[in-house]
Amino acid sequence: MDDIPDRIEHTVLGPTTTPDDVRTCLDEALQYGMRACIPPCYLPLATEYANVPLTAVIDFPHGQGQTDSVCQAAKLAWDAGADELDMVCNIGLLKAGEDDAVRDHITEVVASVPVPVKVIVEAPLLSDDELERVGQLVADADAAYLKTATGFSEGGATVHDVEILSKYLPVKASGGVGSWADAEAMFEAGAERIGASSGDTIVREWQGETPTKPETDRDDADTTDGY
């Protein structure tokens, strides 16, 4: 596999994330040639600190904001320097069968900015039928990617979920991807990107190096293997 570092979004999104945490994330992204995924409040810091492709999360982690406010958040993040945005799908509306509302909400957010928008569908909370439905809805809304999970709910990325979602759009696999073996399995299942707080570990293992620091979950996610 080629260009693995450029397909990794090194991530720091926990509620206790500090400016120093973001700087460390950016240092590691720069060192290993990765992208970075950060909270939107740190975009001004990040754009001044390092020349790294930046993804910012919006309406994170529950996806329950009103459409106007989420569109405004998307515009503000883009204005602040985000190269891509990760928004969260309203899973409650999906489970209630409000498919038109889900699609229309995502469509408006996607249309509000000129940068790629990935839609986090919290796959561990969905049945296969729901994954098929949301995959089609997100594709119909002209989003750029489907993303498996926030890492702050139940479980994370699985090969099975990636295989389903990749039928509809490119997939960013996130949640519990903590090693090159995990990432490789996701790529082989059809993922185009990986989101992980252990991005540096993934790249070092891909390069054949032995990790020199213990596995830690910088995002405090509710998954056993971290974000």
C-alpha atoms as a PDB file:
ATOM      1  CA  MET A   1       0.000   0.000   0.000  1.00  0.00           C
ATOM      2  CA  ASP A   2       1.280   3.440  -0.947  1.00  0.00           C
ATOM      3  CA  ASP A   3       0.973   6.843   0.734  1.00  0.00           C
ATOM      4  CA  ILE A   4      -0.194   5.371   4.035  1.00  0.00           C
ATOM      5  CA  PRO A   5       0.793   8.406   6.180  1.00  0.00           C
ATOM      6  CA  ASP A   6      -1.290  10.733   3.984  1.00  0.00           C
ATOM      7  CA  ARG A   7      -4.287   8.464   4.580  1.00  0.00           C
ATOM      8  CA  ILE A   8      -4.001   8.737   8.371  1.00  0.00           C
ATOM      9  CA  GLU A   9      -5.774  11.524  10.267  1.00  0.00           C
ATOM     10  CA  HIS A  10      -3.883  11.787  13.561  1.00  0.00           C
ATOM     11  CA  THR A  11      -6.497  12.742  16.095  1.00  0.00           C
ATOM     12  CA  VAL A  12      -6.925  14.524  19.407  1.00  0.00           C
ATOM     13  CA  LEU A  13     -10.546  15.216  20.361  1.00  0.00           C
ATOM     14  CA  GLY A  14     -11.096  14.426  24.042  1.00  0.00           C
ATOM     15  CA  PRO A  15     -12.877  16.789  26.444  1.00  0.00           C
ATOM     16  CA  THR A  16      -9.628  17.507  28.290  1.00  0.00           C
ATOM     17  CA  THR A  17      -7.672  18.367  25.126  1.00  0.00           C
ATOM     18  CA  THR A  18      -5.250  21.229  25.804  1.00  0.00           C
ATOM     19  CA  PRO A  19      -3.295  23.478  23.430  1.00  0.00           C
ATOM     20  CA  ASP A  20      -0.190  21.435  24.235  1.00  0.00           C
ATOM     21  CA  ASP A  21      -2.038  18.247  23.249  1.00  0.00           C
ATOM     22  CA  VAL A  22      -2.862  19.813  19.907  1.00  0.00           C
ATOM     23  CA  ARG A  23       0.729  20.929  19.382  1.00  0.00           C
ATOM     24  CA  THR A  24       1.934  17.389  20.119  1.00  0.00           C
ATOM     25  CA  CYS A  25      -0.607  15.982  17.659  1.00  0.00           C
ATOM     26  CA  LEU A  26       0.574  18.435  15.003  1.00  0.00           C
ATOM     27  CA  ASP A  27       4.254  17.727  15.708  1.00  0.00           C
ATOM     28  CA  GLU A  28       3.644  14.010  15.202  1.00  0.00           C
ATOM     29  CA  ALA A  29       1.532  14.594  12.084  1.00  0.00           C
ATOM     30  CA  LEU A  30       4.295  16.739  10.616  1.00  0.00           C
ATOM     31  CA  GLN A  31       7.010  14.259  11.564  1.00  0.00           C
ATOM     32  CA  TYR A  32       5.276  11.277   9.977  1.00  0.00           C
ATOM     33  CA  GLY A  33       3.541  13.008   7.057  1.00  0.00           C
ATOM     34  CA  MET A  34       0.021  12.549   8.411  1.00  0.00           C
ATOM     35  CA  ARG A  35      -3.078  14.698   8.447  1.00  0.00           C
ATOM     36  CA  ALA A  36      -4.556  15.944  11.735  1.00  0.00           C
ATOM     37  CA  CYS A  37      -8.086  15.986  13.154  1.00  0.00           C
ATOM     38  CA  ILE A  38      -8.700  18.490  15.965  1.00  0.00           C
ATOM     39  CA  PRO A  39     -11.437  20.412  17.769  1.00  0.00           C
ATOM     40  CA  PRO A  40     -12.489  23.569  15.913  1.00  0.00           C
ATOM     41  CA  CYS A  41     -11.545  25.864  18.790  1.00  0.00           C
ATOM     42  CA  TYR A  42      -7.884  25.042  18.110  1.00  0.00           C
ATOM     43  CA  LEU A  43      -7.891  25.821  14.391  1.00  0.00           C
ATOM     44  CA  PRO A  44      -6.298  29.288  14.801  1.00  0.00           C
ATOM     45  CA  LEU A  45      -3.497  27.752  16.863  1.00  0.00           C
ATOM     46  CA  ALA A  46      -3.033  24.895  14.414  1.00  0.00           C
ATOM     47  CA  THR A  47      -2.895  27.007  11.253  1.00  0.00           C
ATOM     48  CA  GLU A  48      -0.182  29.182  12.767  1.00  0.00           C
ATOM     49  CA  TYR A  49       1.742  26.316  14.346  1.00  0.00           C
ATOM     50  CA  ALA A  50       2.245  23.825  11.499  1.00  0.00           C
ATOM     51  CA  ASN A  51       1.530  23.286   7.816  1.00  0.00           C
ATOM     52  CA  VAL A  52      -0.541  20.123   8.221  1.00  0.00           C
ATOM     53  CA  PRO A  53      -3.791  19.236   6.415  1.00  0.00           C
ATOM     54  CA  LEU A  54      -6.474  19.884   9.033  1.00  0.00           C
ATOM     55  CA  THR A  55      -9.831  18.276   9.668  1.00  0.00           C
ATOM     56  CA  ALA A  56     -12.123  19.836  12.271  1.00  0.00           C
ATOM     57  CA  VAL A  57     -15.127  18.151  13.853  1.00  0.00           C
ATOM     58  CA  ILE A  58     -18.460  19.943  14.031  1.00  0.00           C
ATOM     59  CA  ASP A  59     -21.630  19.135  15.991  1.00  0.00           C
ATOM     60  CA  PHE A  60     -19.461  16.577  17.764  1.00  0.00           C
ATOM     61  CA  PRO A  61     -20.013  14.019  19.250  1.00  0.00           C
ATOM     62  CA  HIS A  62     -23.827  13.650  19.167  1.00  0.00           C
ATOM     63  CA  GLY A  63     -24.982  15.364  15.973  1.00  0.00           C
ATOM     64  CA  GLN A  64     -28.056  16.937  17.518  1.00  0.00           C
ATOM     65  CA  GLY A  65     -27.569  20.581  16.572  1.00  0.00           C
ATOM     66  CA  GLN A  66     -30.071  22.601  14.555  1.00  0.00           C
ATOM     67  CA  THR A  67     -29.241  22.847  10.870  1.00  0.00           C
ATOM     68  CA  ASP A  68     -28.606  26.602  10.870  1.00  0.00           C
ATOM     69  CA  SER A  69     -26.209  26.361  13.794  1.00  0.00           C
ATOM     70  CA  VAL A  70     -24.318  23.424  12.295  1.00  0.00           C
ATOM     71  CA  CYS A  71     -23.991  25.255   8.972  1.00  0.00           C
ATOM     72  CA  GLN A  72     -22.651  28.263  10.842  1.00  0.00           C
ATOM     73  CA  ALA A  73     -20.179  26.072  12.727  1.00  0.00           C
ATOM     74  CA  ALA A  74     -19.048  24.580   9.429  1.00  0.00           C
ATOM     75  CA  LYS A  75     -18.502  28.022   7.903  1.00  0.00           C
ATOM     76  CA  LEU A  76     -16.589  29.240  10.944  1.00  0.00           C
ATOM     77  CA  ALA A  77     -14.340  26.170  10.901  1.00  0.00           C
ATOM     78  CA  TRP A  78     -13.639  26.629   7.203  1.00  0.00           C
ATOM     79  CA  ASP A  79     -12.916  30.332   7.713  1.00  0.00           C
ATOM     80  CA  ALA A  80     -10.508  29.382  10.524  1.00  0.00           C
ATOM     81  CA  GLY A  81      -8.482  27.120   8.255  1.00  0.00           C
ATOM     82  CA  ALA A  82     -10.076  23.658   8.184  1.00  0.00           C
ATOM     83  CA  ASP A  83      -9.299  21.758   4.997  1.00  0.00           C
ATOM     84  CA  GLU A  84     -12.005  19.171   5.699  1.00  0.00           C
ATOM     85  CA  LEU A  85     -14.878  18.792   8.154  1.00  0.00           C
ATOM     86  CA  ASP A  86     -16.245  15.789  10.037  1.00  0.00           C
ATOM     87  CA  MET A  87     -19.890  16.253  11.042  1.00  0.00           C
ATOM     88  CA  VAL A  88     -22.037  13.839  13.033  1.00  0.00           C
ATOM     89  CA  CYS A  89     -25.244  12.348  11.663  1.00  0.00           C
ATOM     90  CA  ASN A  90     -28.360  12.639  13.842  1.00  0.00           C
ATOM     91  CA  ILE A  91     -28.754   8.948  14.613  1.00  0.00           C
ATOM     92  CA  GLY A  92     -31.947   9.505  16.632  1.00  0.00           C
ATOM     93  CA  LEU A  93     -33.703  10.880  13.562  1.00  0.00           C
ATOM     94  CA  LEU A  94     -32.380   7.991  11.475  1.00  0.00           C
ATOM     95  CA  LYS A  95     -33.712   5.428  13.927  1.00  0.00           C
ATOM     96  CA  ALA A  96     -37.057   7.249  13.996  1.00  0.00           C
ATOM     97  CA  GLY A  97     -37.351   6.805  10.238  1.00  0.00           C
ATOM     98  CA  GLU A  98     -36.946  10.523   9.516  1.00  0.00           C
ATOM     99  CA  ASP A  99     -34.802   9.837   6.454  1.00  0.00           C
ATOM    100  CA  ASP A 100     -35.741  13.024   4.607  1.00  0.00           C
ATOM    101  CA  ALA A 101     -34.772  15.146   7.618  1.00  0.00           C
ATOM    102  CA  VAL A 102     -31.436  13.351   7.946  1.00  0.00           C
ATOM    103  CA  ARG A 103     -30.620  13.795   4.264  1.00  0.00           C
ATOM    104  CA  ASP A 104     -31.799  17.416   4.088  1.00  0.00           C
ATOM    105  CA  HIS A 105     -29.771  18.383   7.164  1.00  0.00           C
ATOM    106  CA  ILE A 106     -26.578  16.888   5.772  1.00  0.00           C
ATOM    107  CA  THR A 107     -27.230  18.386   2.344  1.00  0.00           C
ATOM    108  CA  GLU A 108     -27.440  21.892   3.794  1.00  0.00           C
ATOM    109  CA  VAL A 109     -24.265  21.498   5.824  1.00  0.00           C
ATOM    110  CA  VAL A 110     -22.349  20.083   2.858  1.00  0.00           C
ATOM    111  CA  ALA A 111     -23.564  22.942   0.656  1.00  0.00           C
ATOM    112  CA  SER A 112     -22.565  25.580   3.205  1.00  0.00           C
ATOM    113  CA  VAL A 113     -18.795  25.114   2.718  1.00  0.00           C
ATOM    114  CA  PRO A 114     -16.450  24.562  -0.255  1.00  0.00           C
ATOM    115  CA  VAL A 115     -14.411  21.842   1.482  1.00  0.00           C
ATOM    116  CA  PRO A 116     -15.002  18.067   1.773  1.00  0.00           C
ATOM    117  CA  VAL A 117     -17.423  16.987   4.490  1.00  0.00           C
ATOM    118  CA  LYS A 118     -17.274  13.547   6.063  1.00  0.00           C
ATOM    119  CA  VAL A 119     -20.371  12.294   7.888  1.00  0.00           C
ATOM    120  CA  ILE A 120     -19.915  10.251  11.064  1.00  0.00           C
ATOM    121  CA  VAL A 121     -22.695   7.669  11.260  1.00  0.00           C
ATOM    122  CA  GLU A 122     -21.867   5.979  14.594  1.00  0.00           C
ATOM    123  CA  ALA A 123     -21.941   2.559  12.941  1.00  0.00           C
ATOM    124  CA  PRO A 124     -21.738   0.539  16.202  1.00  0.00           C
ATOM    125  CA  LEU A 125     -25.223   1.813  17.073  1.00  0.00           C
ATOM    126  CA  LEU A 126     -26.781   0.801  13.754  1.00  0.00           C
ATOM    127  CA  SER A 127     -28.140  -2.396  12.266  1.00  0.00           C
ATOM    128  CA  ASP A 128     -27.028  -3.520   8.828  1.00  0.00           C
ATOM    129  CA  ASP A 129     -30.281  -2.202   7.348  1.00  0.00           C
ATOM    130  CA  GLU A 130     -29.686   1.166   9.030  1.00  0.00           C
ATOM    131  CA  LEU A 131     -26.102   1.246   7.715  1.00  0.00           C
ATOM    132  CA  GLU A 132     -27.404   0.677   4.199  1.00  0.00           C
ATOM    133  CA  ARG A 133     -30.000   3.420   4.611  1.00  0.00           C
ATOM    134  CA  VAL A 134     -27.599   5.986   6.049  1.00  0.00           C
ATOM    135  CA  GLY A 135     -24.975   5.160   3.445  1.00  0.00           C
ATOM    136  CA  GLN A 136     -27.421   5.998   0.682  1.00  0.00           C
ATOM    137  CA  LEU A 137     -28.700   9.113   2.470  1.00  0.00           C
ATOM    138  CA  VAL A 138     -25.204  10.510   2.959  1.00  0.00           C
ATOM    139  CA  ALA A 139     -24.302   9.769  -0.648  1.00  0.00           C
ATOM    140  CA  ASP A 140     -27.496  11.512  -1.800  1.00  0.00           C
ATOM    141  CA  ALA A 141     -26.521  14.535   0.311  1.00  0.00           C
ATOM    142  CA  ASP A 142     -23.277  14.905  -1.701  1.00  0.00           C
ATOM    143  CA  ALA A 143     -20.952  14.340   1.258  1.00  0.00           C
ATOM    144  CA  ALA A 144     -17.383  13.335   0.449  1.00  0.00           C
ATOM    145  CA  TYR A 145     -16.944  10.467   2.921  1.00  0.00           C
ATOM    146  CA  LEU A 146     -18.723   8.243   5.375  1.00  0.00           C
ATOM    147  CA  LYS A 147     -16.978   7.905   8.735  1.00  0.00           C
ATOM    148  CA  THR A 148     -17.623   4.955  11.014  1.00  0.00           C
ATOM    149  CA  ALA A 149     -17.651   6.374  14.539  1.00  0.00           C
ATOM    150  CA  THR A 150     -16.823   9.234  16.875  1.00  0.00           C
ATOM    151  CA  GLY A 151     -14.939   6.971  19.280  1.00  0.00           C
ATOM    152  CA  PHE A 152     -17.092   8.346  22.105  1.00  0.00           C
ATOM    153  CA  SER A 153     -20.009   5.923  21.925  1.00  0.00           C
ATOM    154  CA  GLU A 154     -20.278   2.129  21.849  1.00  0.00           C
ATOM    155  CA  GLY A 155     -17.459   0.460  19.949  1.00  0.00           C
ATOM    156  CA  GLY A 156     -15.588   1.623  16.905  1.00  0.00           C
ATOM    157  CA  ALA A 157     -14.701   0.657  13.356  1.00  0.00           C
ATOM    158  CA  THR A 158     -15.228  -2.918  12.170  1.00  0.00           C
ATOM    159  CA  VAL A 159     -14.367  -4.630   8.909  1.00  0.00           C
ATOM    160  CA  HIS A 160     -18.014  -5.543   8.451  1.00  0.00           C
ATOM    161  CA  ASP A 161     -19.237  -1.955   8.792  1.00  0.00           C
ATOM    162  CA  VAL A 162     -16.537  -0.629   6.466  1.00  0.00           C
ATOM    163  CA  GLU A 163     -17.481  -3.195   3.838  1.00  0.00           C
ATOM    164  CA  ILE A 164     -21.105  -2.038   3.926  1.00  0.00           C
ATOM    165  CA  LEU A 165     -20.416   1.694   3.953  1.00  0.00           C
ATOM    166  CA  SER A 166     -17.760   1.567   1.235  1.00  0.00           C
ATOM    167  CA  LYS A 167     -20.450   0.567  -1.252  1.00  0.00           C
ATOM    168  CA  TYR A 168     -21.764   4.132  -1.054  1.00  0.00           C
ATOM    169  CA  LEU A 169     -18.833   6.510  -0.519  1.00  0.00           C
ATOM    170  CA  PRO A 170     -15.170   6.494   0.474  1.00  0.00           C
ATOM    171  CA  VAL A 171     -14.882   5.553   4.156  1.00  0.00           C
ATOM    172  CA  LYS A 172     -12.859   6.970   7.009  1.00  0.00           C
ATOM    173  CA  ALA A 173     -12.527   4.174   9.570  1.00  0.00           C
ATOM    174  CA  SER A 174     -12.253   5.495  13.102  1.00  0.00           C
ATOM    175  CA  GLY A 175     -12.759   4.200  16.599  1.00  0.00           C
ATOM    176  CA  GLY A 176     -10.424   1.613  18.080  1.00  0.00           C
ATOM    177  CA  VAL A 177      -7.873   1.587  15.234  1.00  0.00           C
ATOM    178  CA  GLY A 178      -4.680   1.484  17.269  1.00  0.00           C
ATOM    179  CA  SER A 179      -2.139  -0.479  15.224  1.00  0.00           C
ATOM    180  CA  TRP A 180      -1.000  -1.063  11.663  1.00  0.00           C
ATOM    181  CA  ALA A 181      -2.695  -4.482  11.762  1.00  0.00           C
ATOM    182  CA  ASP A 182      -5.987  -2.770  12.605  1.00  0.00           C
ATOM    183  CA  ALA A 183      -5.502  -0.131   9.921  1.00  0.00           C
ATOM    184  CA  GLU A 184      -4.475  -2.646   7.273  1.00  0.00           C
ATOM    185  CA  ALA A 185      -7.637  -4.650   7.908  1.00  0.00           C
ATOM    186  CA  MET A 186      -9.722  -1.493   7.436  1.00  0.00           C
ATOM    187  CA  PHE A 187      -7.917  -0.563   4.217  1.00  0.00           C
ATOM    188  CA  GLU A 188      -8.412  -4.071   2.862  1.00  0.00           C
ATOM    189  CA  ALA A 189     -12.123  -3.824   3.714  1.00  0.00           C
ATOM    190  CA  GLY A 190     -12.408  -0.695   1.591  1.00  0.00           C
ATOM    191  CA  ALA A 191     -11.480   2.232   3.842  1.00  0.00           C
ATOM    192  CA  GLU A 192      -9.705   5.178   2.213  1.00  0.00           C
ATOM    193  CA  ARG A 193      -8.729   6.982   5.425  1.00  0.00           C
ATOM    194  CA  ILE A 194      -8.049   6.098   9.054  1.00  0.00           C
ATOM    195  CA  GLY A 195      -8.806   8.355  12.017  1.00  0.00           C
ATOM    196  CA  ALA A 196      -6.777   7.452  15.095  1.00  0.00           C
ATOM    197  CA  SER A 197      -5.111   8.986  18.119  1.00  0.00           C
ATOM    198  CA  SER A 198      -2.397   6.364  17.551  1.00  0.00           C
ATOM    199  CA  GLY A 199      -1.583   7.525  14.043  1.00  0.00           C
ATOM    200  CA  ASP A 200       2.113   7.789  14.851  1.00  0.00           C
ATOM    201  CA  THR A 201       2.132   4.186  16.072  1.00  0.00           C
ATOM    202  CA  ILE A 202       0.329   3.020  12.948  1.00  0.00           C
ATOM    203  CA  VAL A 203       2.856   4.696  10.651  1.00  0.00           C
ATOM    204  CA  ARG A 204       5.878   3.429  12.605  1.00  0.00           C
ATOM    205  CA  GLU A 205       4.541  -0.116  12.510  1.00  0.00           C
ATOM    206  CA  TRP A 206       3.813   0.231   8.781  1.00  0.00           C
ATOM    207  CA  GLN A 207       7.434   1.331   8.340  1.00  0.00           C
ATOM    208  CA  GLY A 208       8.569  -1.765  10.225  1.00  0.00           C
ATOM    209  CA  GLU A 209       9.601   0.022  13.389  1.00  0.00           C
ATOM    210  CA  THR A 210       8.772  -1.109  16.915  1.00  0.00           C
ATOM    211  CA  PRO A 211       6.682   1.454  18.807  1.00  0.00           C
ATOM    212  CA  THR A 212       8.669   3.102  21.580  1.00  0.00           C
ATOM    213  CA  LYS A 213       5.834   4.540  23.640  1.00  0.00           C
ATOM    214  CA  PRO A 214       2.929   2.796  25.355  1.00  0.00           C
ATOM    215  CA  GLU A 215      -0.482   2.759  23.701  1.00  0.00           C
ATOM    216  CA  THR A 216      -2.550   5.589  25.148  1.00  0.00           C
ATOM    217  CA  ASP A 217      -5.952   6.979  24.314  1.00  0.00           C
ATOM    218  CA  ARG A 218      -5.463  10.704  24.058  1.00  0.00           C
ATOM    219  CA  ASP A 219      -9.171  11.172  23.312  1.00  0.00           C
ATOM    220  CA  ASP A 220     -10.639   9.445  26.389  1.00  0.00           C
ATOM    221  CA  ALA A 221     -12.946   7.539  24.072  1.00  0.00           C
ATOM    222  CA  ASP A 222     -15.294   4.835  25.299  1.00  0.00           C
ATOM    223  CA  THR A 223     -13.623   2.189  23.139  1.00  0.00           C
ATOM    224  CA  THR A 224     -11.129  -0.276  24.515  1.00  0.00           C
ATOM    225  CA  ASP A 225      -8.520   0.552  21.894  1.00  0.00           C
ATOM    226  CA  GLY A 226      -8.970   4.302  21.751  1.00  0.00           C
ATOM    227  CA  TYR A 227     -10.172   6.579  18.978  1.00  0.00           C
END
